[in-house]
Amino acid sequence: MSSQRKVFIQGITRDGRAFRPSDWAERLAGAMSSFRPGGGVGGIGAFIGYSPYCFPKVIDGVKCVIVSQELRAAEPMAWDFVMNFARDNELQVFEACLLPEGPEGRGASSGPPAPSASPG
C-alpha cells in the first residue's frame, strides 16, 4: 500500500494566535463535503458528512483541517479554494506523508509538528 500525502491546516495563525471563529474547521470542511471519490451521491441515498478529501480533526488540542492531495487531482478549483483560505487567513500549513496501517506502521506518521506555545 502506498503512502498518503496530506496537508494539515492548523487553526493557528503565523503569529501564534488561535484562529476565529471557533468552528472554522467544520465550516471549511463542510464547504468541501460534496467533493468525494466518484462524485457526490444525491437523492434518497445521500447523507450528510465530510469528504474523505477534506475533514476537520483536533490534533494536540488544535483544530485542524486535513486535506488529501487527491482533492487536487479530483477538483483543482476546490483545492485552490482551501489553500487560498489558509493563505489569506495566514494559517499554519504542513504537508505530511501518512504511513499505511500495519504491524510496523501502526500509528506512525510524519505528521505536523506540535504547535509551539506563543509567548505571553
PDB file of N, CA and C in Angstrom:
ATOM      1  N   MET A   1       0.849  -1.189   0.000  1.00  0.00           N
ATOM      2  CA  MET A   1       0.000   0.000   0.000  1.00  0.00           C
ATOM      3  C   MET A   1       0.887   1.242   0.000  1.00  0.00           C
ATOM      4  N   SER A   2       0.520   2.234  -0.776  1.00  0.00           N
ATOM      5  CA  SER A   2       1.338   3.442  -0.860  1.00  0.00           C
ATOM      6  C   SER A   2       0.982   4.422   0.253  1.00  0.00           C
ATOM      7  N   SER A   3       1.883   5.341   0.487  1.00  0.00           N
ATOM      8  CA  SER A   3       1.635   6.359   1.497  1.00  0.00           C
ATOM      9  C   SER A   3       0.633   7.368   0.968  1.00  0.00           C
ATOM     10  N   GLN A   4       0.028   8.102   1.883  1.00  0.00           N
ATOM     11  CA  GLN A   4      -0.976   9.091   1.520  1.00  0.00           C
ATOM     12  C   GLN A   4      -0.461  10.472   1.896  1.00  0.00           C
ATOM     13  N   ARG A   5      -0.384  11.366   0.900  1.00  0.00           N
ATOM     14  CA  ARG A   5       0.084  12.722   1.157  1.00  0.00           C
ATOM     15  C   ARG A   5      -1.094  13.583   1.607  1.00  0.00           C
ATOM     16  N   LYS A   6      -0.902  14.281   2.712  1.00  0.00           N
ATOM     17  CA  LYS A   6      -1.928  15.128   3.300  1.00  0.00           C
ATOM     18  C   LYS A   6      -1.342  16.497   3.612  1.00  0.00           C
ATOM     19  N   VAL A   7      -2.214  17.483   3.609  1.00  0.00           N
ATOM     20  CA  VAL A   7      -1.865  18.826   4.055  1.00  0.00           C
ATOM     21  C   VAL A   7      -2.672  19.093   5.317  1.00  0.00           C
ATOM     22  N   PHE A   8      -1.992  19.569   6.345  1.00  0.00           N
ATOM     23  CA  PHE A   8      -2.638  19.886   7.615  1.00  0.00           C
ATOM     24  C   PHE A   8      -2.710  21.401   7.740  1.00  0.00           C
ATOM     25  N   ILE A   9      -3.914  21.916   7.810  1.00  0.00           N
ATOM     26  CA  ILE A   9      -4.116  23.350   8.031  1.00  0.00           C
ATOM     27  C   ILE A   9      -4.469  23.508   9.499  1.00  0.00           C
ATOM     28  N   GLN A  10      -3.596  24.171  10.245  1.00  0.00           N
ATOM     29  CA  GLN A  10      -3.815  24.345  11.672  1.00  0.00           C
ATOM     30  C   GLN A  10      -4.538  25.653  11.951  1.00  0.00           C
ATOM     31  N   GLY A  11      -5.365  25.622  12.974  1.00  0.00           N
ATOM     32  CA  GLY A  11      -6.113  26.806  13.386  1.00  0.00           C
ATOM     33  C   GLY A  11      -5.286  27.749  14.219  1.00  0.00           C
ATOM     34  N   ILE A  12      -4.044  27.938  13.804  1.00  0.00           N
ATOM     35  CA  ILE A  12      -3.126  28.867  14.465  1.00  0.00           C
ATOM     36  C   ILE A  12      -2.529  29.750  13.379  1.00  0.00           C
ATOM     37  N   THR A  13      -2.596  31.048  13.592  1.00  0.00           N
ATOM     38  CA  THR A  13      -2.047  31.969  12.601  1.00  0.00           C
ATOM     39  C   THR A  13      -0.524  31.964  12.677  1.00  0.00           C
ATOM     40  N   ARG A  14       0.105  32.540  11.675  1.00  0.00           N
ATOM     41  CA  ARG A  14       1.577  32.574  11.645  1.00  0.00           C
ATOM     42  C   ARG A  14       2.169  33.275  12.853  1.00  0.00           C
ATOM     43  N   ASP A  15       1.410  34.211  13.435  1.00  0.00           N
ATOM     44  CA  ASP A  15       1.926  34.905  14.620  1.00  0.00           C
ATOM     45  C   ASP A  15       1.529  34.218  15.926  1.00  0.00           C
ATOM     46  N   GLY A  16       0.959  32.985  15.831  1.00  0.00           N
ATOM     47  CA  GLY A  16       0.702  32.174  17.022  1.00  0.00           C
ATOM     48  C   GLY A  16      -0.655  32.334  17.674  1.00  0.00           C
ATOM     49  N   ARG A  17      -1.540  33.127  17.097  1.00  0.00           N
ATOM     50  CA  ARG A  17      -2.873  33.304  17.684  1.00  0.00           C
ATOM     51  C   ARG A  17      -3.829  32.219  17.198  1.00  0.00           C
ATOM     52  N   ALA A  18      -4.802  31.871  18.057  1.00  0.00           N
ATOM     53  CA  ALA A  18      -5.845  30.919  17.660  1.00  0.00           C
ATOM     54  C   ALA A  18      -6.753  31.593  16.633  1.00  0.00           C
ATOM     55  N   PHE A  19      -7.078  30.862  15.577  1.00  0.00           N
ATOM     56  CA  PHE A  19      -7.923  31.406  14.524  1.00  0.00           C
ATOM     57  C   PHE A  19      -9.376  31.366  14.962  1.00  0.00           C
ATOM     58  N   ARG A  20     -10.110  32.390  14.627  1.00  0.00           N
ATOM     59  CA  ARG A  20     -11.531  32.506  14.956  1.00  0.00           C
ATOM     60  C   ARG A  20     -12.321  32.708  13.681  1.00  0.00           C
ATOM     61  N   PRO A  21     -13.563  32.254  13.600  1.00  0.00           N
ATOM     62  CA  PRO A  21     -14.411  31.741  14.671  1.00  0.00           C
ATOM     63  C   PRO A  21     -14.011  30.330  15.063  1.00  0.00           C
ATOM     64  N   SER A  22     -14.479  29.899  16.217  1.00  0.00           N
ATOM     65  CA  SER A  22     -14.063  28.606  16.755  1.00  0.00           C
ATOM     66  C   SER A  22     -14.522  27.424  15.903  1.00  0.00           C
ATOM     67  N   ASP A  23     -15.521  27.608  15.067  1.00  0.00           N
ATOM     68  CA  ASP A  23     -15.994  26.498  14.213  1.00  0.00           C
ATOM     69  C   ASP A  23     -15.474  26.595  12.780  1.00  0.00           C
ATOM     70  N   TRP A  24     -14.363  27.287  12.580  1.00  0.00           N
ATOM     71  CA  TRP A  24     -13.829  27.491  11.233  1.00  0.00           C
ATOM     72  C   TRP A  24     -13.547  26.175  10.521  1.00  0.00           C
ATOM     73  N   ALA A  25     -13.016  25.178  11.235  1.00  0.00           N
ATOM     74  CA  ALA A  25     -12.635  23.909  10.603  1.00  0.00           C
ATOM     75  C   ALA A  25     -13.865  23.166  10.086  1.00  0.00           C
ATOM     76  N   GLU A  26     -14.923  23.149  10.889  1.00  0.00           N
ATOM     77  CA  GLU A  26     -16.151  22.482  10.473  1.00  0.00           C
ATOM     78  C   GLU A  26     -16.787  23.200   9.282  1.00  0.00           C
ATOM     79  N   ARG A  27     -16.714  24.519   9.273  1.00  0.00           N
ATOM     80  CA  ARG A  27     -17.272  25.292   8.158  1.00  0.00           C
ATOM     81  C   ARG A  27     -16.512  25.024   6.861  1.00  0.00           C
ATOM     82  N   LEU A  28     -15.179  25.067   6.937  1.00  0.00           N
ATOM     83  CA  LEU A  28     -14.363  24.852   5.746  1.00  0.00           C
ATOM     84  C   LEU A  28     -14.563  23.436   5.213  1.00  0.00           C
ATOM     85  N   ALA A  29     -14.487  22.433   6.084  1.00  0.00           N
ATOM     86  CA  ALA A  29     -14.674  21.050   5.653  1.00  0.00           C
ATOM     87  C   ALA A  29     -16.097  20.834   5.147  1.00  0.00           C
ATOM     88  N   GLY A  30     -17.065  21.495   5.742  1.00  0.00           N
ATOM     89  CA  GLY A  30     -18.449  21.377   5.282  1.00  0.00           C
ATOM     90  C   GLY A  30     -18.623  21.913   3.874  1.00  0.00           C
ATOM     91  N   ALA A  31     -17.924  22.994   3.554  1.00  0.00           N
ATOM     92  CA  ALA A  31     -18.000  23.562   2.205  1.00  0.00           C
ATOM     93  C   ALA A  31     -17.414  22.604   1.168  1.00  0.00           C
ATOM     94  N   MET A  32     -16.515  21.719   1.593  1.00  0.00           N
ATOM     95  CA  MET A  32     -15.879  20.753   0.684  1.00  0.00           C
ATOM     96  C   MET A  32     -16.556  19.385   0.712  1.00  0.00           C
ATOM     97  N   SER A  33     -17.646  19.237   1.468  1.00  0.00           N
ATOM     98  CA  SER A  33     -18.250  17.922   1.698  1.00  0.00           C
ATOM     99  C   SER A  33     -18.769  17.230   0.440  1.00  0.00           C
ATOM    100  N   SER A  34     -19.094  17.974  -0.603  1.00  0.00           N
ATOM    101  CA  SER A  34     -19.630  17.339  -1.811  1.00  0.00           C
ATOM    102  C   SER A  34     -18.539  16.754  -2.708  1.00  0.00           C
ATOM    103  N   PHE A  35     -17.277  17.056  -2.427  1.00  0.00           N
ATOM    104  CA  PHE A  35     -16.184  16.525  -3.246  1.00  0.00           C
ATOM    105  C   PHE A  35     -15.750  15.184  -2.680  1.00  0.00           C
ATOM    106  N   ARG A  36     -16.154  14.118  -3.384  1.00  0.00           N
ATOM    107  CA  ARG A  36     -15.917  12.747  -2.922  1.00  0.00           C
ATOM    108  C   ARG A  36     -15.426  11.888  -4.071  1.00  0.00           C
ATOM    109  N   PRO A  37     -14.768  10.785  -3.747  1.00  0.00           N
ATOM    110  CA  PRO A  37     -14.397   9.846  -4.809  1.00  0.00           C
ATOM    111  C   PRO A  37     -15.651   9.384  -5.538  1.00  0.00           C
ATOM    112  N   GLY A  38     -15.634   9.426  -6.844  1.00  0.00           N
ATOM    113  CA  GLY A  38     -16.799   9.016  -7.623  1.00  0.00           C
ATOM    114  C   GLY A  38     -17.873  10.081  -7.723  1.00  0.00           C
ATOM    115  N   GLY A  39     -17.632  11.269  -7.181  1.00  0.00           N
ATOM    116  CA  GLY A  39     -18.614  12.336  -7.236  1.00  0.00           C
ATOM    117  C   GLY A  39     -19.604  12.254  -6.091  1.00  0.00           C
ATOM    118  N   GLY A  40     -20.454  13.257  -5.986  1.00  0.00           N
ATOM    119  CA  GLY A  40     -21.460  13.300  -4.930  1.00  0.00           C
ATOM    120  C   GLY A  40     -22.598  12.339  -5.208  1.00  0.00           C
ATOM    121  N   VAL A  41     -23.211  11.865  -4.153  1.00  0.00           N
ATOM    122  CA  VAL A  41     -24.374  10.994  -4.265  1.00  0.00           C
ATOM    123  C   VAL A  41     -25.590  11.808  -3.860  1.00  0.00           C
ATOM    124  N   GLY A  42     -26.566  11.915  -4.749  1.00  0.00           N
ATOM    125  CA  GLY A  42     -27.758  12.679  -4.439  1.00  0.00           C
ATOM    126  C   GLY A  42     -28.955  11.776  -4.216  1.00  0.00           C
ATOM    127  N   GLY A  43     -30.076  12.387  -3.987  1.00  0.00           N
ATOM    128  CA  GLY A  43     -31.313  11.627  -3.821  1.00  0.00           C
ATOM    129  C   GLY A  43     -31.428  10.979  -2.462  1.00  0.00           C
ATOM    130  N   ILE A  44     -32.226   9.922  -2.410  1.00  0.00           N
ATOM    131  CA  ILE A  44     -32.523   9.264  -1.139  1.00  0.00           C
ATOM    132  C   ILE A  44     -31.297   8.616  -0.506  1.00  0.00           C
ATOM    133  N   GLY A  45     -30.293   8.269  -1.312  1.00  0.00           N
ATOM    134  CA  GLY A  45     -29.081   7.647  -0.794  1.00  0.00           C
ATOM    135  C   GLY A  45     -28.070   8.636  -0.249  1.00  0.00           C
ATOM    136  N   ALA A  46     -28.368   9.923  -0.352  1.00  0.00           N
ATOM    137  CA  ALA A  46     -27.431  10.950   0.106  1.00  0.00           C
ATOM    138  C   ALA A  46     -27.379  10.981   1.632  1.00  0.00           C
ATOM    139  N   PHE A  47     -26.241  11.360   2.152  1.00  0.00           N
ATOM    140  CA  PHE A  47     -26.091  11.512   3.592  1.00  0.00           C
ATOM    141  C   PHE A  47     -25.234  12.738   3.862  1.00  0.00           C
ATOM    142  N   ILE A  48     -25.312  13.198   5.085  1.00  0.00           N
ATOM    143  CA  ILE A  48     -24.531  14.365   5.478  1.00  0.00           C
ATOM    144  C   ILE A  48     -23.243  13.876   6.126  1.00  0.00           C
ATOM    145  N   GLY A  49     -22.147  14.387   5.669  1.00  0.00           N
ATOM    146  CA  GLY A  49     -20.856  14.007   6.235  1.00  0.00           C
ATOM    147  C   GLY A  49     -19.744  14.720   5.514  1.00  0.00           C
ATOM    148  N   TYR A  50     -18.554  14.630   6.080  1.00  0.00           N
ATOM    149  CA  TYR A  50     -17.393  15.275   5.478  1.00  0.00           C
ATOM    150  C   TYR A  50     -16.820  14.409   4.365  1.00  0.00           C
ATOM    151  N   SER A  51     -16.174  15.046   3.436  1.00  0.00           N
ATOM    152  CA  SER A  51     -15.488  14.354   2.355  1.00  0.00           C
ATOM    153  C   SER A  51     -14.233  13.667   2.893  1.00  0.00           C
ATOM    154  N   PRO A  52     -13.885  12.502   2.375  1.00  0.00           N
ATOM    155  CA  PRO A  52     -12.617  11.904   2.789  1.00  0.00           C
ATOM    156  C   PRO A  52     -11.414  12.714   2.290  1.00  0.00           C
ATOM    157  N   TYR A  53     -11.636  13.654   1.379  1.00  0.00           N
ATOM    158  CA  TYR A  53     -10.577  14.519   0.875  1.00  0.00           C
ATOM    159  C   TYR A  53     -10.286  15.704   1.800  1.00  0.00           C
ATOM    160  N   CYS A  54     -11.258  16.072   2.656  1.00  0.00           N
ATOM    161  CA  CYS A  54     -11.121  17.299   3.444  1.00  0.00           C
ATOM    162  C   CYS A  54     -12.005  17.186   4.680  1.00  0.00           C
ATOM    163  N   PHE A  55     -11.393  17.061   5.856  1.00  0.00           N
ATOM    164  CA  PHE A  55     -12.198  16.874   7.060  1.00  0.00           C
ATOM    165  C   PHE A  55     -11.514  17.524   8.266  1.00  0.00           C
ATOM    166  N   PRO A  56     -12.326  17.929   9.253  1.00  0.00           N
ATOM    167  CA  PRO A  56     -11.754  18.560  10.447  1.00  0.00           C
ATOM    168  C   PRO A  56     -11.274  17.506  11.441  1.00  0.00           C
ATOM    169  N   LYS A  57     -10.283  17.887  12.237  1.00  0.00           N
ATOM    170  CA  LYS A  57      -9.775  16.994  13.290  1.00  0.00           C
ATOM    171  C   LYS A  57      -9.038  17.854  14.305  1.00  0.00           C
ATOM    172  N   VAL A  58      -9.159  17.500  15.573  1.00  0.00           N
ATOM    173  CA  VAL A  58      -8.398  18.170  16.618  1.00  0.00           C
ATOM    174  C   VAL A  58      -7.145  17.341  16.871  1.00  0.00           C
ATOM    175  N   ILE A  59      -5.987  17.984  16.747  1.00  0.00           N
ATOM    176  CA  ILE A  59      -4.708  17.324  16.965  1.00  0.00           C
ATOM    177  C   ILE A  59      -3.960  18.078  18.060  1.00  0.00           C
ATOM    178  N   ASP A  60      -3.672  17.394  19.142  1.00  0.00           N
ATOM    179  CA  ASP A  60      -2.989  18.005  20.289  1.00  0.00           C
ATOM    180  C   ASP A  60      -3.685  19.285  20.741  1.00  0.00           C
ATOM    181  N   GLY A  61      -5.014  19.255  20.751  1.00  0.00           N
ATOM    182  CA  GLY A  61      -5.794  20.394  21.220  1.00  0.00           C
ATOM    183  C   GLY A  61      -5.947  21.530  20.219  1.00  0.00           C
ATOM    184  N   VAL A  62      -5.452  21.343  19.003  1.00  0.00           N
ATOM    185  CA  VAL A  62      -5.531  22.389  17.976  1.00  0.00           C
ATOM    186  C   VAL A  62      -6.467  21.933  16.867  1.00  0.00           C
ATOM    187  N   LYS A  63      -7.455  22.768  16.540  1.00  0.00           N
ATOM    188  CA  LYS A  63      -8.343  22.441  15.426  1.00  0.00           C
ATOM    189  C   LYS A  63      -7.562  22.502  14.130  1.00  0.00           C
ATOM    190  N   CYS A  64      -7.770  21.488  13.294  1.00  0.00           N
ATOM    191  CA  CYS A  64      -7.093  21.402  12.011  1.00  0.00           C
ATOM    192  C   CYS A  64      -8.090  20.967  10.945  1.00  0.00           C
ATOM    193  N   VAL A  65      -7.727  21.192   9.711  1.00  0.00           N
ATOM    194  CA  VAL A  65      -8.410  20.590   8.573  1.00  0.00           C
ATOM    195  C   VAL A  65      -7.354  19.795   7.840  1.00  0.00           C
ATOM    196  N   ILE A  66      -7.658  18.527   7.599  1.00  0.00           N
ATOM    197  CA  ILE A  66      -6.738  17.654   6.888  1.00  0.00           C
ATOM    198  C   ILE A  66      -7.241  17.532   5.459  1.00  0.00           C
ATOM    199  N   VAL A  67      -6.374  17.859   4.518  1.00  0.00           N
ATOM    200  CA  VAL A  67      -6.743  17.877   3.102  1.00  0.00           C
ATOM    201  C   VAL A  67      -5.870  16.883   2.363  1.00  0.00           C
ATOM    202  N   SER A  68      -6.497  15.950   1.681  1.00  0.00           N
ATOM    203  CA  SER A  68      -5.767  14.961   0.897  1.00  0.00           C
ATOM    204  C   SER A  68      -5.316  15.575  -0.420  1.00  0.00           C
ATOM    205  N   GLN A  69      -4.116  15.196  -0.858  1.00  0.00           N
ATOM    206  CA  GLN A  69      -3.622  15.634  -2.160  1.00  0.00           C
ATOM    207  C   GLN A  69      -4.529  15.132  -3.281  1.00  0.00           C
ATOM    208  N   GLU A  70      -5.326  14.097  -3.010  1.00  0.00           N
ATOM    209  CA  GLU A  70      -6.259  13.577  -4.011  1.00  0.00           C
ATOM    210  C   GLU A  70      -7.288  14.626  -4.421  1.00  0.00           C
ATOM    211  N   LEU A  71      -7.601  15.580  -3.537  1.00  0.00           N
ATOM    212  CA  LEU A  71      -8.542  16.641  -3.886  1.00  0.00           C
ATOM    213  C   LEU A  71      -8.003  17.465  -5.048  1.00  0.00           C
ATOM    214  N   ARG A  72      -6.706  17.698  -5.065  1.00  0.00           N
ATOM    215  CA  ARG A  72      -6.090  18.483  -6.147  1.00  0.00           C
ATOM    216  C   ARG A  72      -6.350  17.835  -7.505  1.00  0.00           C
ATOM    217  N   ALA A  73      -6.203  16.513  -7.573  1.00  0.00           N
ATOM    218  CA  ALA A  73      -6.426  15.792  -8.830  1.00  0.00           C
ATOM    219  C   ALA A  73      -7.910  15.717  -9.173  1.00  0.00           C
ATOM    220  N   ALA A  74      -8.756  15.525  -8.155  1.00  0.00           N
ATOM    221  CA  ALA A  74     -10.192  15.360  -8.389  1.00  0.00           C
ATOM    222  C   ALA A  74     -10.877  16.674  -8.750  1.00  0.00           C
ATOM    223  N   GLU A  75     -10.489  17.758  -8.071  1.00  0.00           N
ATOM    224  CA  GLU A  75     -11.147  19.050  -8.301  1.00  0.00           C
ATOM    225  C   GLU A  75     -10.171  20.176  -7.981  1.00  0.00           C
ATOM    226  N   PRO A  76      -9.377  20.593  -8.976  1.00  0.00           N
ATOM    227  CA  PRO A  76      -8.357  21.623  -8.738  1.00  0.00           C
ATOM    228  C   PRO A  76      -8.907  22.931  -8.168  1.00  0.00           C
ATOM    229  N   MET A  77     -10.099  23.331  -8.564  1.00  0.00           N
ATOM    230  CA  MET A  77     -10.653  24.593  -8.042  1.00  0.00           C
ATOM    231  C   MET A  77     -10.987  24.476  -6.554  1.00  0.00           C
ATOM    232  N   ALA A  78     -11.445  23.317  -6.111  1.00  0.00           N
ATOM    233  CA  ALA A  78     -11.716  23.098  -4.685  1.00  0.00           C
ATOM    234  C   ALA A  78     -10.403  23.132  -3.896  1.00  0.00           C
ATOM    235  N   TRP A  79      -9.362  22.496  -4.453  1.00  0.00           N
ATOM    236  CA  TRP A  79      -8.036  22.527  -3.830  1.00  0.00           C
ATOM    237  C   TRP A  79      -7.566  23.971  -3.674  1.00  0.00           C
ATOM    238  N   ASP A  80      -7.662  24.741  -4.750  1.00  0.00           N
ATOM    239  CA  ASP A  80      -7.241  26.146  -4.709  1.00  0.00           C
ATOM    240  C   ASP A  80      -8.029  26.925  -3.661  1.00  0.00           C
ATOM    241  N   PHE A  81      -9.322  26.670  -3.547  1.00  0.00           N
ATOM    242  CA  PHE A  81     -10.159  27.357  -2.561  1.00  0.00           C
ATOM    243  C   PHE A  81      -9.631  27.112  -1.145  1.00  0.00           C
ATOM    244  N   VAL A  82      -9.367  25.863  -0.816  1.00  0.00           N
ATOM    245  CA  VAL A  82      -8.900  25.510   0.528  1.00  0.00           C
ATOM    246  C   VAL A  82      -7.518  26.110   0.797  1.00  0.00           C
ATOM    247  N   MET A  83      -6.613  25.991  -0.168  1.00  0.00           N
ATOM    248  CA  MET A  83      -5.266  26.516   0.032  1.00  0.00           C
ATOM    249  C   MET A  83      -5.268  28.049   0.110  1.00  0.00           C
ATOM    250  N   ASN A  84      -6.114  28.688  -0.694  1.00  0.00           N
ATOM    251  CA  ASN A  84      -6.224  30.151  -0.625  1.00  0.00           C
ATOM    252  C   ASN A  84      -6.827  30.602   0.699  1.00  0.00           C
ATOM    253  N   PHE A  85      -7.766  29.834   1.237  1.00  0.00           N
ATOM    254  CA  PHE A  85      -8.345  30.139   2.550  1.00  0.00           C
ATOM    255  C   PHE A  85      -7.226  30.158   3.597  1.00  0.00           C
ATOM    256  N   ALA A  86      -6.396  29.130   3.580  1.00  0.00           N
ATOM    257  CA  ALA A  86      -5.296  29.049   4.548  1.00  0.00           C
ATOM    258  C   ALA A  86      -4.324  30.215   4.370  1.00  0.00           C
ATOM    259  N   ARG A  87      -3.965  30.506   3.132  1.00  0.00           N
ATOM    260  CA  ARG A  87      -3.026  31.604   2.858  1.00  0.00           C
ATOM    261  C   ARG A  87      -3.621  32.954   3.257  1.00  0.00           C
ATOM    262  N   ASP A  88      -4.853  33.218   2.833  1.00  0.00           N
ATOM    263  CA  ASP A  88      -5.483  34.509   3.102  1.00  0.00           C
ATOM    264  C   ASP A  88      -5.660  34.776   4.597  1.00  0.00           C
ATOM    265  N   ASN A  89      -5.844  33.708   5.379  1.00  0.00           N
ATOM    266  CA  ASN A  89      -6.035  33.854   6.820  1.00  0.00           C
ATOM    267  C   ASN A  89      -4.751  33.606   7.608  1.00  0.00           C
ATOM    268  N   GLU A  90      -3.627  33.491   6.884  1.00  0.00           N
ATOM    269  CA  GLU A  90      -2.308  33.314   7.478  1.00  0.00           C
ATOM    270  C   GLU A  90      -2.258  32.145   8.456  1.00  0.00           C
ATOM    271  N   LEU A  91      -2.881  31.014   8.063  1.00  0.00           N
ATOM    272  CA  LEU A  91      -2.878  29.829   8.904  1.00  0.00           C
ATOM    273  C   LEU A  91      -1.628  29.006   8.642  1.00  0.00           C
ATOM    274  N   GLN A  92      -1.179  28.292   9.662  1.00  0.00           N
ATOM    275  CA  GLN A  92      -0.014  27.436   9.523  1.00  0.00           C
ATOM    276  C   GLN A  92      -0.406  26.181   8.752  1.00  0.00           C
ATOM    277  N   VAL A  93       0.396  25.822   7.766  1.00  0.00           N
ATOM    278  CA  VAL A  93       0.113  24.685   6.887  1.00  0.00           C
ATOM    279  C   VAL A  93       1.345  23.783   6.862  1.00  0.00           C
ATOM    280  N   PHE A  94       1.098  22.471   7.019  1.00  0.00           N
ATOM    281  CA  PHE A  94       2.168  21.486   6.986  1.00  0.00           C
ATOM    282  C   PHE A  94       1.769  20.360   6.052  1.00  0.00           C
ATOM    283  N   GLU A  95       2.732  19.831   5.341  1.00  0.00           N
ATOM    284  CA  GLU A  95       2.487  18.678   4.481  1.00  0.00           C
ATOM    285  C   GLU A  95       3.090  17.458   5.152  1.00  0.00           C
ATOM    286  N   ALA A  96       2.401  16.333   5.038  1.00  0.00           N
ATOM    287  CA  ALA A  96       2.886  15.102   5.657  1.00  0.00           C
ATOM    288  C   ALA A  96       2.579  13.920   4.766  1.00  0.00           C
ATOM    289  N   CYS A  97       3.312  12.869   4.983  1.00  0.00           N
ATOM    290  CA  CYS A  97       3.084  11.618   4.291  1.00  0.00           C
ATOM    291  C   CYS A  97       2.689  10.607   5.359  1.00  0.00           C
ATOM    292  N   LEU A  98       1.420  10.207   5.386  1.00  0.00           N
ATOM    293  CA  LEU A  98       0.951   9.266   6.382  1.00  0.00           C
ATOM    294  C   LEU A  98       1.315   7.856   5.960  1.00  0.00           C
ATOM    295  N   LEU A  99       1.810   7.084   6.902  1.00  0.00           N
ATOM    296  CA  LEU A  99       2.197   5.711   6.618  1.00  0.00           C
ATOM    297  C   LEU A  99       0.970   4.811   6.700  1.00  0.00           C
ATOM    298  N   PRO A 100       0.941   3.760   5.910  1.00  0.00           N
ATOM    299  CA  PRO A 100      -0.201   2.843   5.958  1.00  0.00           C
ATOM    300  C   PRO A 100      -0.263   2.123   7.290  1.00  0.00           C
ATOM    301  N   GLU A 101      -1.475   1.738   7.688  1.00  0.00           N
ATOM    302  CA  GLU A 101      -1.667   0.968   8.910  1.00  0.00           C
ATOM    303  C   GLU A 101      -1.055  -0.407   8.709  1.00  0.00           C
ATOM    304  N   GLY A 102      -0.483  -0.971   9.723  1.00  0.00           N
ATOM    305  CA  GLY A 102       0.099  -2.296   9.642  1.00  0.00           C
ATOM    306  C   GLY A 102       0.885  -2.585  10.897  1.00  0.00           C
ATOM    307  N   PRO A 103       1.405  -3.788  11.045  1.00  0.00           N
ATOM    308  CA  PRO A 103       2.122  -4.139  12.267  1.00  0.00           C
ATOM    309  C   PRO A 103       3.297  -3.214  12.553  1.00  0.00           C
ATOM    310  N   GLU A 104       4.030  -2.817  11.508  1.00  0.00           N
ATOM    311  CA  GLU A 104       5.192  -1.956  11.727  1.00  0.00           C
ATOM    312  C   GLU A 104       4.844  -0.481  11.674  1.00  0.00           C
ATOM    313  N   GLY A 105       3.810  -0.120  10.902  1.00  0.00           N
ATOM    314  CA  GLY A 105       3.497   1.287  10.693  1.00  0.00           C
ATOM    315  C   GLY A 105       2.317   1.788  11.484  1.00  0.00           C
ATOM    316  N   ARG A 106       1.768   0.968  12.375  1.00  0.00           N
ATOM    317  CA  ARG A 106       0.567   1.361  13.108  1.00  0.00           C
ATOM    318  C   ARG A 106       0.816   2.637  13.896  1.00  0.00           C
ATOM    319  N   GLY A 107       0.040   3.653  13.550  1.00  0.00           N
ATOM    320  CA  GLY A 107       0.122   4.909  14.258  1.00  0.00           C
ATOM    321  C   GLY A 107       1.303   5.773  13.881  1.00  0.00           C
ATOM    322  N   ALA A 108       2.176   5.280  13.061  1.00  0.00           N
ATOM    323  CA  ALA A 108       3.358   6.073  12.700  1.00  0.00           C
ATOM    324  C   ALA A 108       3.002   7.038  11.582  1.00  0.00           C
ATOM    325  N   SER A 109       3.496   8.229  11.665  1.00  0.00           N
ATOM    326  CA  SER A 109       3.300   9.206  10.596  1.00  0.00           C
ATOM    327  C   SER A 109       4.368  10.270  10.723  1.00  0.00           C
ATOM    328  N   SER A 110       4.480  11.017   9.676  1.00  0.00           N
ATOM    329  CA  SER A 110       5.350  12.188   9.731  1.00  0.00           C
ATOM    330  C   SER A 110       4.458  13.410   9.735  1.00  0.00           C
ATOM    331  N   GLY A 111       3.514  13.423  10.654  1.00  0.00           N
ATOM    332  CA  GLY A 111       2.507  14.467  10.745  1.00  0.00           C
ATOM    333  C   GLY A 111       3.106  15.802  11.104  1.00  0.00           C
ATOM    334  N   PRO A 112       2.250  16.797  11.223  1.00  0.00           N
ATOM    335  CA  PRO A 112       2.743  18.146  11.505  1.00  0.00           C
ATOM    336  C   PRO A 112       3.361  18.227  12.891  1.00  0.00           C
ATOM    337  N   PRO A 113       4.340  19.070  13.060  1.00  0.00           N
ATOM    338  CA  PRO A 113       4.913  19.235  14.369  1.00  0.00           C
ATOM    339  C   PRO A 113       3.886  19.863  15.304  1.00  0.00           C
ATOM    340  N   ALA A 114       4.006  19.567  16.562  1.00  0.00           N
ATOM    341  CA  ALA A 114       3.088  20.161  17.538  1.00  0.00           C
ATOM    342  C   ALA A 114       3.296  21.668  17.544  1.00  0.00           C
ATOM    343  N   PRO A 115       2.195  22.420  17.661  1.00  0.00           N
ATOM    344  CA  PRO A 115       2.326  23.876  17.668  1.00  0.00           C
ATOM    345  C   PRO A 115       3.091  24.323  18.907  1.00  0.00           C
ATOM    346  N   SER A 116       3.891  25.340  18.729  1.00  0.00           N
ATOM    347  CA  SER A 116       4.629  25.873  19.866  1.00  0.00           C
ATOM    348  C   SER A 116       3.759  26.888  20.602  1.00  0.00           C
ATOM    349  N   ALA A 117       3.970  26.985  21.878  1.00  0.00           N
ATOM    350  CA  ALA A 117       3.199  27.940  22.665  1.00  0.00           C
ATOM    351  C   ALA A 117       3.664  29.348  22.313  1.00  0.00           C
ATOM    352  N   SER A 118       2.692  30.232  22.164  1.00  0.00           N
ATOM    353  CA  SER A 118       3.069  31.604  21.863  1.00  0.00           C
ATOM    354  C   SER A 118       3.447  32.331  23.151  1.00  0.00           C
ATOM    355  N   PRO A 119       4.410  33.197  23.072  1.00  0.00           N
ATOM    356  CA  PRO A 119       4.833  33.921  24.280  1.00  0.00           C
ATOM    357  C   PRO A 119       3.755  34.861  24.774  1.00  0.00           C
ATOM    358  N   GLY A 120       3.618  34.910  26.094  1.00  0.00           N
ATOM    359  CA  GLY A 120       2.756  35.806  26.834  1.00  0.00           C
ATOM    360  C   GLY A 120       1.548  36.163  26.209  1.00  0.00           C
TER     361      GLY A 120
END
